[in-house]
PDB file of N, CA and C in Angstrom:
ATOM      1  N   MET A   1      92.486 173.993 278.268  1.00  0.00           N
ATOM      2  CA  MET A   1      91.255 173.365 278.721  1.00  0.00           C
ATOM      3  C   MET A   1      91.607 172.027 279.362  1.00  0.00           C
ATOM      4  N   ALA A   2      90.950 171.688 280.422  1.00  0.00           N
ATOM      5  CA  ALA A   2      91.221 170.448 281.145  1.00  0.00           C
ATOM      6  C   ALA A   2      90.702 169.240 280.376  1.00  0.00           C
ATOM      7  N   ALA A   3      91.285 168.126 280.705  1.00  0.00           N
ATOM      8  CA  ALA A   3      90.832 166.870 280.109  1.00  0.00           C
ATOM      9  C   ALA A   3      89.550 166.429 280.803  1.00  0.00           C
ATOM     10  N   SER A   4      88.681 165.784 280.060  1.00  0.00           N
ATOM     11  CA  SER A   4      87.437 165.242 280.598  1.00  0.00           C
ATOM     12  C   SER A   4      87.277 163.826 280.087  1.00  0.00           C
ATOM     13  N   THR A   5      86.657 162.997 280.905  1.00  0.00           N
ATOM     14  CA  THR A   5      86.356 161.632 280.487  1.00  0.00           C
ATOM     15  C   THR A   5      84.877 161.374 280.743  1.00  0.00           C
ATOM     16  N   PHE A   6      84.218 160.834 279.741  1.00  0.00           N
ATOM     17  CA  PHE A   6      82.801 160.508 279.826  1.00  0.00           C
ATOM     18  C   PHE A   6      82.654 158.999 279.686  1.00  0.00           C
ATOM     19  N   LEU A   7      81.810 158.418 280.517  1.00  0.00           N
ATOM     20  CA  LEU A   7      81.563 156.982 280.464  1.00  0.00           C
ATOM     21  C   LEU A   7      80.144 156.765 279.947  1.00  0.00           C
ATOM     22  N   PHE A   8      80.028 156.252 278.738  1.00  0.00           N
ATOM     23  CA  PHE A   8      78.736 156.011 278.100  1.00  0.00           C
ATOM     24  C   PHE A   8      78.247 154.605 278.423  1.00  0.00           C
ATOM     25  N   GLU A   9      76.942 154.502 278.722  1.00  0.00           N
ATOM     26  CA  GLU A   9      76.333 153.183 278.955  1.00  0.00           C
ATOM     27  C   GLU A   9      76.546 152.276 277.745  1.00  0.00           C
ATOM     28  N   HIS A  10      76.350 152.850 276.572  1.00  0.00           N
ATOM     29  CA  HIS A  10      76.486 152.109 275.315  1.00  0.00           C
ATOM     30  C   HIS A  10      77.180 153.022 274.305  1.00  0.00           C
ATOM     31  N   ALA A  11      78.009 152.432 273.471  1.00  0.00           N
ATOM     32  CA  ALA A  11      78.655 153.194 272.397  1.00  0.00           C
ATOM     33  C   ALA A  11      78.819 152.284 271.191  1.00  0.00           C
ATOM     34  N   TYR A  12      78.616 152.862 270.024  1.00  0.00           N
ATOM     35  CA  TYR A  12      78.796 152.100 268.790  1.00  0.00           C
ATOM     36  C   TYR A  12      80.225 152.300 268.316  1.00  0.00           C
ATOM     37  N   LEU A  13      81.006 151.247 268.344  1.00  0.00           N
ATOM     38  CA  LEU A  13      82.416 151.270 267.950  1.00  0.00           C
ATOM     39  C   LEU A  13      82.591 150.440 266.676  1.00  0.00           C
ATOM     40  N   PRO A  14      83.764 150.470 266.063  1.00  0.00           N
ATOM     41  CA  PRO A  14      83.958 149.692 264.821  1.00  0.00           C
ATOM     42  C   PRO A  14      83.594 148.209 264.966  1.00  0.00           C
ATOM     43  N   GLU A  15      83.768 147.667 266.157  1.00  0.00           N
ATOM     44  CA  GLU A  15      83.431 146.249 266.352  1.00  0.00           C
ATOM     45  C   GLU A  15      81.980 146.023 266.769  1.00  0.00           C
ATOM     46  N   GLY A  16      81.172 147.083 266.791  1.00  0.00           N
ATOM     47  CA  GLY A  16      79.759 146.966 267.133  1.00  0.00           C
ATOM     48  C   GLY A  16      79.443 147.654 268.450  1.00  0.00           C
ATOM     49  N   TRP A  17      78.257 147.372 268.980  1.00  0.00           N
ATOM     50  CA  TRP A  17      77.807 147.991 270.232  1.00  0.00           C
ATOM     51  C   TRP A  17      78.618 147.455 271.401  1.00  0.00           C
ATOM     52  N   GLN A  18      79.058 148.383 272.250  1.00  0.00           N
ATOM     53  CA  GLN A  18      79.818 148.030 273.452  1.00  0.00           C
ATOM     54  C   GLN A  18      79.181 148.719 274.647  1.00  0.00           C
ATOM     55  N   ARG A  19      79.394 148.140 275.836  1.00  0.00           N
ATOM     56  CA  ARG A  19      78.879 148.729 277.077  1.00  0.00           C
ATOM     57  C   ARG A  19      80.021 149.367 277.850  1.00  0.00           C
ATOM     58  N   ASN A  20      79.666 150.421 278.611  1.00  0.00           N
ATOM     59  CA  ASN A  20      80.614 151.094 279.509  1.00  0.00           C
ATOM     60  C   ASN A  20      81.888 151.518 278.770  1.00  0.00           C
ATOM     61  N   VAL A  21      81.723 152.439 277.860  1.00  0.00           N
ATOM     62  CA  VAL A  21      82.837 152.912 277.030  1.00  0.00           C
ATOM     63  C   VAL A  21      83.244 154.311 277.483  1.00  0.00           C
ATOM     64  N   ALA A  22      84.503 154.457 277.811  1.00  0.00           N
ATOM     65  CA  ALA A  22      85.030 155.755 278.218  1.00  0.00           C
ATOM     66  C   ALA A  22      85.538 156.508 276.990  1.00  0.00           C
ATOM     67  N   VAL A  23      85.160 157.768 276.906  1.00  0.00           N
ATOM     68  CA  VAL A  23      85.640 158.646 275.836  1.00  0.00           C
ATOM     69  C   VAL A  23      86.382 159.789 276.516  1.00  0.00           C
ATOM     70  N   ARG A  24      87.662 159.912 276.217  1.00  0.00           N
ATOM     71  CA  ARG A  24      88.496 160.939 276.839  1.00  0.00           C
ATOM     72  C   ARG A  24      88.695 162.102 275.871  1.00  0.00           C
ATOM     73  N   LEU A  25      88.522 163.313 276.396  1.00  0.00           N
ATOM     74  CA  LEU A  25      88.673 164.541 275.608  1.00  0.00           C
ATOM     75  C   LEU A  25      89.782 165.399 276.188  1.00  0.00           C
ATOM     76  N   GLN A  26      90.517 166.035 275.315  1.00  0.00           N
ATOM     77  CA  GLN A  26      91.525 167.020 275.715  1.00  0.00           C
ATOM     78  C   GLN A  26      91.414 168.183 274.742  1.00  0.00           C
ATOM     79  N   ASP A  27      91.164 169.359 275.247  1.00  0.00           N
ATOM     80  CA  ASP A  27      91.018 170.561 274.413  1.00  0.00           C
ATOM     81  C   ASP A  27      89.973 170.368 273.313  1.00  0.00           C
ATOM     82  N   GLY A  28      88.880 169.693 273.654  1.00  0.00           N
ATOM     83  CA  GLY A  28      87.790 169.516 272.708  1.00  0.00           C
ATOM     84  C   GLY A  28      87.994 168.419 271.684  1.00  0.00           C
ATOM     85  N   MET A  29      89.089 167.699 271.756  1.00  0.00           N
ATOM     86  CA  MET A  29      89.380 166.621 270.801  1.00  0.00           C
ATOM     87  C   MET A  29      89.341 165.279 271.525  1.00  0.00           C
ATOM     88  N   ILE A  30      88.798 164.257 270.865  1.00  0.00           N
ATOM     89  CA  ILE A  30      88.810 162.915 271.438  1.00  0.00           C
ATOM     90  C   ILE A  30      90.240 162.394 271.377  1.00  0.00           C
ATOM     91  N   THR A  31      90.760 162.002 272.540  1.00  0.00           N
ATOM     92  CA  THR A  31      92.128 161.487 272.590  1.00  0.00           C
ATOM     93  C   THR A  31      92.177 159.974 272.725  1.00  0.00           C
ATOM     94  N   SER A  32      91.095 159.377 273.284  1.00  0.00           N
ATOM     95  CA  SER A  32      91.054 157.917 273.354  1.00  0.00           C
ATOM     96  C   SER A  32      89.630 157.460 273.594  1.00  0.00           C
ATOM     97  N   VAL A  33      89.388 156.215 273.182  1.00  0.00           N
ATOM     98  CA  VAL A  33      88.092 155.577 273.388  1.00  0.00           C
ATOM     99  C   VAL A  33      88.389 154.188 273.923  1.00  0.00           C
ATOM    100  N   GLY A  34      87.818 153.891 275.032  1.00  0.00           N
ATOM    101  CA  GLY A  34      88.021 152.591 275.660  1.00  0.00           C
ATOM    102  C   GLY A  34      87.291 152.624 276.976  1.00  0.00           C
ATOM    103  N   GLY A  35      87.320 151.557 277.676  1.00  0.00           N
ATOM    104  CA  GLY A  35      86.536 151.826 278.847  1.00  0.00           C
ATOM    105  C   GLY A  35      86.858 150.905 279.952  1.00  0.00           C
ATOM    106  N   PRO A  36      86.236 150.923 281.011  1.00  0.00           N
ATOM    107  CA  PRO A  36      85.773 152.061 281.813  1.00  0.00           C
ATOM    108  C   PRO A  36      86.940 152.824 282.441  1.00  0.00           C
ATOM    109  N   ALA A  37      86.651 153.980 282.976  1.00  0.00           N
ATOM    110  CA  ALA A  37      87.694 154.822 283.581  1.00  0.00           C
ATOM    111  C   ALA A  37      87.182 155.388 284.897  1.00  0.00           C
ATOM    112  N   GLU A  38      88.059 155.403 285.903  1.00  0.00           N
ATOM    113  CA  GLU A  38      87.677 155.966 287.205  1.00  0.00           C
ATOM    114  C   GLU A  38      87.492 157.464 287.103  1.00  0.00           C
ATOM    115  N   GLY A  39      86.488 157.961 287.823  1.00  0.00           N
ATOM    116  CA  GLY A  39      86.258 159.398 287.863  1.00  0.00           C
ATOM    117  C   GLY A  39      85.574 159.959 286.626  1.00  0.00           C
ATOM    118  N   ALA A  40      85.139 159.095 285.732  1.00  0.00           N
ATOM    119  CA  ALA A  40      84.495 159.564 284.501  1.00  0.00           C
ATOM    120  C   ALA A  40      83.091 160.079 284.806  1.00  0.00           C
ATOM    121  N   ILE A  41      82.642 160.994 283.984  1.00  0.00           N
ATOM    122  CA  ILE A  41      81.283 161.520 284.075  1.00  0.00           C
ATOM    123  C   ILE A  41      80.375 160.523 283.369  1.00  0.00           C
ATOM    124  N   ARG A  42      79.427 159.965 284.126  1.00  0.00           N
ATOM    125  CA  ARG A  42      78.535 158.954 283.549  1.00  0.00           C
ATOM    126  C   ARG A  42      77.486 159.611 282.656  1.00  0.00           C
ATOM    127  N   VAL A  43      77.273 158.995 281.494  1.00  0.00           N
ATOM    128  CA  VAL A  43      76.287 159.489 280.537  1.00  0.00           C
ATOM    129  C   VAL A  43      75.314 158.351 280.244  1.00  0.00           C
ATOM    130  N   LYS A  44      74.027 158.586 280.579  1.00  0.00           N
ATOM    131  CA  LYS A  44      73.002 157.576 280.260  1.00  0.00           C
ATOM    132  C   LYS A  44      72.711 157.646 278.771  1.00  0.00           C
ATOM    133  N   GLY A  45      72.495 156.509 278.173  1.00  0.00           N
ATOM    134  CA  GLY A  45      72.165 156.497 276.757  1.00  0.00           C
ATOM    135  C   GLY A  45      73.320 155.988 275.922  1.00  0.00           C
ATOM    136  N   ALA A  46      73.245 156.286 274.642  1.00  0.00           N
ATOM    137  CA  ALA A  46      74.201 155.734 273.679  1.00  0.00           C
ATOM    138  C   ALA A  46      75.013 156.840 273.004  1.00  0.00           C
ATOM    139  N   ALA A  47      76.230 156.483 272.641  1.00  0.00           N
ATOM    140  CA  ALA A  47      77.096 157.381 271.880  1.00  0.00           C
ATOM    141  C   ALA A  47      77.276 156.804 270.484  1.00  0.00           C
ATOM    142  N   LEU A  48      77.104 157.658 269.484  1.00  0.00           N
ATOM    143  CA  LEU A  48      77.298 157.264 268.088  1.00  0.00           C
ATOM    144  C   LEU A  48      78.369 158.138 267.478  1.00  0.00           C
ATOM    145  N   PRO A  49      79.125 157.625 266.511  1.00  0.00           N
ATOM    146  CA  PRO A  49      80.096 158.484 265.834  1.00  0.00           C
ATOM    147  C   PRO A  49      79.372 159.620 265.120  1.00  0.00           C
ATOM    148  N   GLY A  50      79.997 160.770 265.057  1.00  0.00           N
ATOM    149  CA  GLY A  50      79.414 161.909 264.356  1.00  0.00           C
ATOM    150  C   GLY A  50      79.384 161.685 262.858  1.00  0.00           C
ATOM    151  N   LEU A  51      78.418 162.286 262.201  1.00  0.00           N
ATOM    152  CA  LEU A  51      78.301 162.188 260.748  1.00  0.00           C
ATOM    153  C   LEU A  51      78.538 163.579 260.168  1.00  0.00           C
ATOM    154  N   PRO A  52      79.704 163.824 259.589  1.00  0.00           N
ATOM    155  CA  PRO A  52      79.970 165.156 259.045  1.00  0.00           C
ATOM    156  C   PRO A  52      79.127 165.439 257.810  1.00  0.00           C
ATOM    157  N   ASN A  53      78.802 166.686 257.633  1.00  0.00           N
ATOM    158  CA  ASN A  53      78.056 167.130 256.462  1.00  0.00           C
ATOM    159  C   ASN A  53      79.093 167.568 255.425  1.00  0.00           C
ATOM    160  N   LEU A  54      79.324 166.752 254.436  1.00  0.00           N
ATOM    161  CA  LEU A  54      80.398 167.008 253.479  1.00  0.00           C
ATOM    162  C   LEU A  54      79.918 167.432 252.103  1.00  0.00           C
ATOM    163  N   HIS A  55      78.675 167.842 251.983  1.00  0.00           N
ATOM    164  CA  HIS A  55      78.216 168.235 250.659  1.00  0.00           C
ATOM    165  C   HIS A  55      78.716 169.650 250.335  1.00  0.00           C
ATOM    166  N   SER A  56      78.672 170.004 249.088  1.00  0.00           N
ATOM    167  CA  SER A  56      79.253 171.264 248.640  1.00  0.00           C
ATOM    168  C   SER A  56      78.318 171.981 247.675  1.00  0.00           C
ATOM    169  N   HIS A  57      78.425 173.291 247.663  1.00  0.00           N
ATOM    170  CA  HIS A  57      77.679 174.112 246.716  1.00  0.00           C
ATOM    171  C   HIS A  57      78.635 174.832 245.757  1.00  0.00           C
ATOM    172  N   THR A  58      79.874 174.386 245.681  1.00  0.00           N
ATOM    173  CA  THR A  58      80.845 175.075 244.843  1.00  0.00           C
ATOM    174  C   THR A  58      80.458 175.056 243.363  1.00  0.00           C
ATOM    175  N   PHE A  59      79.693 174.061 242.943  1.00  0.00           N
ATOM    176  CA  PHE A  59      79.267 174.007 241.546  1.00  0.00           C
ATOM    177  C   PHE A  59      78.476 175.254 241.161  1.00  0.00           C
ATOM    178  N   GLN A  60      77.845 175.902 242.141  1.00  0.00           N
ATOM    179  CA  GLN A  60      77.025 177.072 241.830  1.00  0.00           C
ATOM    180  C   GLN A  60      77.861 178.216 241.269  1.00  0.00           C
ATOM    181  N   ARG A  61      79.152 178.284 241.652  1.00  0.00           N
ATOM    182  CA  ARG A  61      80.024 179.301 241.049  1.00  0.00           C
ATOM    183  C   ARG A  61      80.183 179.045 239.564  1.00  0.00           C
ATOM    184  N   GLY A  62      80.295 177.765 239.216  1.00  0.00           N
ATOM    185  CA  GLY A  62      80.476 177.412 237.812  1.00  0.00           C
ATOM    186  C   GLY A  62      79.244 177.658 236.967  1.00  0.00           C
ATOM    187  N   MET A  63      78.075 177.575 237.562  1.00  0.00           N
ATOM    188  CA  MET A  63      76.860 177.766 236.775  1.00  0.00           C
ATOM    189  C   MET A  63      76.282 179.168 236.932  1.00  0.00           C
ATOM    190  N   ALA A  64      77.013 180.041 237.627  1.00  0.00           N
ATOM    191  CA  ALA A  64      76.516 181.414 237.803  1.00  0.00           C
ATOM    192  C   ALA A  64      76.216 182.027 236.441  1.00  0.00           C
ATOM    193  N   GLY A  65      75.052 182.575 236.307  1.00  0.00           N
ATOM    194  CA  GLY A  65      74.640 183.207 235.062  1.00  0.00           C
ATOM    195  C   GLY A  65      73.857 182.298 234.138  1.00  0.00           C
ATOM    196  N   LEU A  66      73.980 180.980 234.302  1.00  0.00           N
ATOM    197  CA  LEU A  66      73.264 180.071 233.411  1.00  0.00           C
ATOM    198  C   LEU A  66      71.765 180.060 233.672  1.00  0.00           C
ATOM    199  N   ALA A  67      71.382 180.243 234.918  1.00  0.00           N
ATOM    200  CA  ALA A  67      69.961 180.172 235.258  1.00  0.00           C
ATOM    201  C   ALA A  67      69.406 181.529 235.684  1.00  0.00           C
ATOM    202  N   GLU A  68      70.273 182.552 235.697  1.00  0.00           N
ATOM    203  CA  GLU A  68      69.819 183.872 236.128  1.00  0.00           C
ATOM    204  C   GLU A  68      69.454 184.735 234.921  1.00  0.00           C
ATOM    205  N   ARG A  69      68.582 184.246 234.128  1.00  0.00           N
ATOM    206  CA  ARG A  69      68.117 185.029 232.983  1.00  0.00           C
ATOM    207  C   ARG A  69      66.609 184.876 232.890  1.00  0.00           C
ATOM    208  N   ARG A  70      66.015 185.855 232.353  1.00  0.00           N
ATOM    209  CA  ARG A  70      64.563 185.802 232.232  1.00  0.00           C
ATOM    210  C   ARG A  70      64.191 184.850 231.112  1.00  0.00           C
ATOM    211  N   GLY A  71      63.287 183.992 231.423  1.00  0.00           N
ATOM    212  CA  GLY A  71      62.838 183.021 230.442  1.00  0.00           C
ATOM    213  C   GLY A  71      61.342 183.091 230.305  1.00  0.00           C
ATOM    214  N   PRO A  72      60.748 181.994 229.904  1.00  0.00           N
ATOM    215  CA  PRO A  72      59.293 181.967 229.759  1.00  0.00           C
ATOM    216  C   PRO A  72      58.618 182.300 231.097  1.00  0.00           C
ATOM    217  N   SER A  73      57.399 182.747 231.006  1.00  0.00           N
ATOM    218  CA  SER A  73      56.697 183.129 232.220  1.00  0.00           C
ATOM    219  C   SER A  73      56.508 181.947 233.160  1.00  0.00           C
ATOM    220  N   GLY A  74      56.744 180.760 232.693  1.00  0.00           N
ATOM    221  CA  GLY A  74      56.601 179.562 233.517  1.00  0.00           C
ATOM    222  C   GLY A  74      57.844 179.236 234.325  1.00  0.00           C
ATOM    223  N   ASP A  75      58.862 180.117 234.317  1.00  0.00           N
ATOM    224  CA  ASP A  75      60.069 179.847 235.098  1.00  0.00           C
ATOM    225  C   ASP A  75      59.722 179.677 236.569  1.00  0.00           C
ATOM    226  N   SER A  76      60.412 178.740 237.194  1.00  0.00           N
ATOM    227  CA  SER A  76      60.177 178.475 238.607  1.00  0.00           C
ATOM    228  C   SER A  76      61.434 177.829 239.182  1.00  0.00           C
ATOM    229  N   PHE A  77      61.344 177.460 240.429  1.00  0.00           N
ATOM    230  CA  PHE A  77      62.433 176.700 241.040  1.00  0.00           C
ATOM    231  C   PHE A  77      62.710 175.450 240.227  1.00  0.00           C
ATOM    232  N   TRP A  78      61.664 174.825 239.719  1.00  0.00           N
ATOM    233  CA  TRP A  78      61.831 173.567 239.004  1.00  0.00           C
ATOM    234  C   TRP A  78      62.570 173.751 237.685  1.00  0.00           C
ATOM    235  N   THR A  79      62.344 174.864 236.971  1.00  0.00           N
ATOM    236  CA  THR A  79      63.093 175.091 235.729  1.00  0.00           C
ATOM    237  C   THR A  79      64.550 175.398 236.064  1.00  0.00           C
ATOM    238  N   TRP A  80      64.810 176.110 237.181  1.00  0.00           N
ATOM    239  CA  TRP A  80      66.192 176.356 237.620  1.00  0.00           C
ATOM    240  C   TRP A  80      66.862 175.038 237.948  1.00  0.00           C
ATOM    241  N   ARG A  81      66.136 174.155 238.589  1.00  0.00           N
ATOM    242  CA  ARG A  81      66.664 172.850 238.971  1.00  0.00           C
ATOM    243  C   ARG A  81      67.045 172.038 237.734  1.00  0.00           C
ATOM    244  N   GLU A  82      66.249 172.119 236.694  1.00  0.00           N
ATOM    245  CA  GLU A  82      66.583 171.403 235.454  1.00  0.00           C
ATOM    246  C   GLU A  82      67.899 171.907 234.869  1.00  0.00           C
ATOM    247  N   VAL A  83      68.085 173.244 234.857  1.00  0.00           N
ATOM    248  CA  VAL A  83      69.347 173.815 234.367  1.00  0.00           C
ATOM    249  C   VAL A  83      70.498 173.320 235.239  1.00  0.00           C
ATOM    250  N   MET A  84      70.293 173.327 236.553  1.00  0.00           N
ATOM    251  CA  MET A  84      71.343 172.886 237.468  1.00  0.00           C
ATOM    252  C   MET A  84      71.736 171.443 237.185  1.00  0.00           C
ATOM    253  N   TYR A  85      70.782 170.536 237.043  1.00  0.00           N
ATOM    254  CA  TYR A  85      71.110 169.138 236.804  1.00  0.00           C
ATOM    255  C   TYR A  85      71.747 168.913 235.439  1.00  0.00           C
ATOM    256  N   ARG A  86      71.348 169.671 234.411  1.00  0.00           N
ATOM    257  CA  ARG A  86      72.022 169.565 233.108  1.00  0.00           C
ATOM    258  C   ARG A  86      73.481 169.980 233.249  1.00  0.00           C
ATOM    259  N   PHE A  87      73.735 171.051 234.006  1.00  0.00           N
ATOM    260  CA  PHE A  87      75.100 171.524 234.230  1.00  0.00           C
ATOM    261  C   PHE A  87      75.905 170.477 235.014  1.00  0.00           C
ATOM    262  N   LEU A  88      75.340 169.967 236.097  1.00  0.00           N
ATOM    263  CA  LEU A  88      76.043 168.989 236.934  1.00  0.00           C
ATOM    264  C   LEU A  88      76.367 167.716 236.172  1.00  0.00           C
ATOM    265  N   ASP A  89      75.514 167.352 235.242  1.00  0.00           N
ATOM    266  CA  ASP A  89      75.724 166.135 234.472  1.00  0.00           C
ATOM    267  C   ASP A  89      76.996 166.214 233.629  1.00  0.00           C
ATOM    268  N   LYS A  90      77.442 167.419 233.323  1.00  0.00           N
ATOM    269  CA  LYS A  90      78.632 167.601 232.486  1.00  0.00           C
ATOM    270  C   LYS A  90      79.916 167.743 233.312  1.00  0.00           C
ATOM    271  N   LEU A  91      79.793 167.920 234.639  1.00  0.00           N
ATOM    272  CA  LEU A  91      80.979 168.091 235.490  1.00  0.00           C
ATOM    273  C   LEU A  91      81.677 166.764 235.740  1.00  0.00           C
ATOM    274  N   THR A  92      82.988 166.819 235.785  1.00  0.00           N
ATOM    275  CA  THR A  92      83.795 165.668 236.179  1.00  0.00           C
ATOM    276  C   THR A  92      84.412 165.970 237.549  1.00  0.00           C
ATOM    277  N   PRO A  93      84.887 164.990 238.264  1.00  0.00           N
ATOM    278  CA  PRO A  93      85.566 165.266 239.532  1.00  0.00           C
ATOM    279  C   PRO A  93      86.741 166.222 239.364  1.00  0.00           C
ATOM    280  N   ASP A  94      87.503 166.090 238.266  1.00  0.00           N
ATOM    281  CA  ASP A  94      88.617 167.016 238.012  1.00  0.00           C
ATOM    282  C   ASP A  94      88.136 168.445 237.807  1.00  0.00           C
ATOM    283  N   ALA A  95      87.022 168.612 237.095  1.00  0.00           N
ATOM    284  CA  ALA A  95      86.504 169.954 236.865  1.00  0.00           C
ATOM    285  C   ALA A  95      86.054 170.603 238.170  1.00  0.00           C
ATOM    286  N   VAL A  96      85.466 169.815 239.058  1.00  0.00           N
ATOM    287  CA  VAL A  96      85.023 170.351 240.348  1.00  0.00           C
ATOM    288  C   VAL A  96      86.221 170.747 241.186  1.00  0.00           C
ATOM    289  N   GLU A  97      87.263 169.939 241.155  1.00  0.00           N
ATOM    290  CA  GLU A  97      88.462 170.250 241.939  1.00  0.00           C
ATOM    291  C   GLU A  97      89.091 171.538 241.452  1.00  0.00           C
TER     292      GLU A  97
END
């Protein structure tokens, strides 16, 4: 894949908001951030760093069977949630790993 360079009007960098910031990509990966660059594709607006979604549902393997039983007729999502939080309260980082 060819390299591409985008020139953002504004970009939020570690040192704060900057103007005319070039972001260079190669094979879908950012290779450099700095600016300006000749021949860059101009982008109106602002660029922000991405926020990865790092949450996990692996604890559900550990609690499998704890909440999948028939209980009082009042069982609901909320009673399942109570079981889940009681279980999570006992987990340590080592146990999750």
